[in-house]
């Protein structure tokens, strides 16, 4: 499937216990586009990037790579994931 987006996230959330670090994050990055993620210390920038490359497990949301579903999690459980 050819998608105009190289990376998409839909409703990505990440919690550490009762601390909600990422809440309903949506992002679309087009092929060739350069983006910056900025914010104050503790805003969740590194957690978001670590979640995209699977160093952290998201609590819920969807991650798409080149239009294909890479990961879908709900309520801290994997619903669907592509094989490595």
Protein backbone atom coordinates (compact mmCIF):
# COMPACT_ATOMS: atom_id res chain seq x y z
CA UNK A 1 0.00 0.00 0.00
CA UNK A 2 1.44 3.34 -1.05
CA UNK A 3 0.81 6.01 1.54
CA UNK A 4 1.76 9.67 1.46
CA UNK A 5 2.76 9.33 5.12
CA UNK A 6 5.92 7.53 6.19
CA UNK A 7 4.84 7.58 9.86
CA UNK A 8 1.45 8.02 11.53
CA UNK A 9 0.35 7.72 15.12
CA UNK A 10 -3.26 7.76 16.26
CA UNK A 11 -4.37 8.34 19.84
CA UNK A 12 -1.07 7.18 21.35
CA UNK A 13 -1.07 7.17 25.14
CA UNK A 14 1.49 5.99 27.67
CA UNK A 15 1.08 5.71 31.42
CA UNK A 16 3.45 4.72 34.17
CA UNK A 17 1.00 3.60 36.83
CA UNK A 18 -1.29 6.55 37.54
CA UNK A 19 1.08 9.03 35.79
CA UNK A 20 -0.15 9.69 32.24
CA UNK A 21 2.94 10.78 30.29
CA UNK A 22 1.48 10.76 26.76
CA UNK A 23 -2.20 11.51 26.17
CA UNK A 24 -3.93 11.07 22.80
CA UNK A 25 -0.93 11.93 20.59
CA UNK A 26 -1.63 12.12 16.85
CA UNK A 27 1.12 12.73 14.27
CA UNK A 28 1.46 12.40 10.50
CA UNK A 29 4.85 12.71 8.81
CA UNK A 30 5.08 12.81 5.02
CA UNK A 31 7.91 11.16 3.15
CA UNK A 32 10.84 13.59 2.97
CA UNK A 33 9.41 15.85 5.66
CA UNK A 34 11.65 16.95 8.53
CA UNK A 35 10.01 17.59 11.91
CA UNK A 36 11.12 18.66 15.37
CA UNK A 37 9.58 17.61 18.65
CA UNK A 38 10.06 20.35 21.22
CA UNK A 39 8.83 20.99 24.73
CA UNK A 40 9.96 21.45 28.30
CA UNK A 41 11.80 18.85 30.31
CA UNK A 42 9.43 16.09 31.38
CA UNK A 43 6.88 16.76 28.61
CA UNK A 44 7.22 13.24 27.15
CA UNK A 45 9.39 13.85 24.07
CA UNK A 46 11.81 11.00 24.77
CA UNK A 47 9.03 8.68 25.89
CA UNK A 48 7.21 9.31 22.60
CA UNK A 49 10.33 8.58 20.54
CA UNK A 50 11.12 5.49 22.63
CA UNK A 51 7.55 4.31 22.04
CA UNK A 52 7.89 4.69 18.27
CA UNK A 53 10.93 2.40 18.17
CA UNK A 54 9.44 -0.04 20.70
CA UNK A 55 11.84 0.65 23.57
CA UNK A 56 8.68 1.55 25.55
CA UNK A 57 5.30 -0.14 25.15
CA UNK A 58 2.46 2.29 24.56
CA UNK A 59 -0.60 1.89 26.75
CA UNK A 60 -2.97 2.46 23.84
CA UNK A 61 -3.07 3.76 20.29
CA UNK A 62 -1.93 2.85 16.80
CA UNK A 63 1.37 3.27 14.96
CA UNK A 64 1.52 3.02 11.16
CA UNK A 65 4.68 2.77 9.04
CA UNK A 66 4.28 3.58 5.32
CA UNK A 67 0.52 3.18 5.67
CA UNK A 68 0.73 -0.31 7.21
CA UNK A 69 -0.38 -0.94 10.77
CA UNK A 70 2.74 -1.59 12.84
CA UNK A 71 1.17 -1.76 16.29
CA UNK A 72 -2.28 -1.43 17.85
CA UNK A 73 -2.65 -1.52 21.64
CA UNK A 74 -5.67 -0.91 23.85
CA UNK A 75 -5.79 -0.94 27.66
CA UNK A 76 -2.12 -2.00 27.87
CA UNK A 77 -2.72 -5.10 25.70
CA UNK A 78 -1.56 -5.70 22.13
CA UNK A 79 -4.49 -5.99 19.73
CA UNK A 80 -2.45 -6.33 16.53
CA UNK A 81 1.22 -6.17 15.56
CA UNK A 82 3.10 -6.90 12.35
CA UNK A 83 5.80 -9.52 12.47
CA UNK A 84 9.40 -8.40 12.70
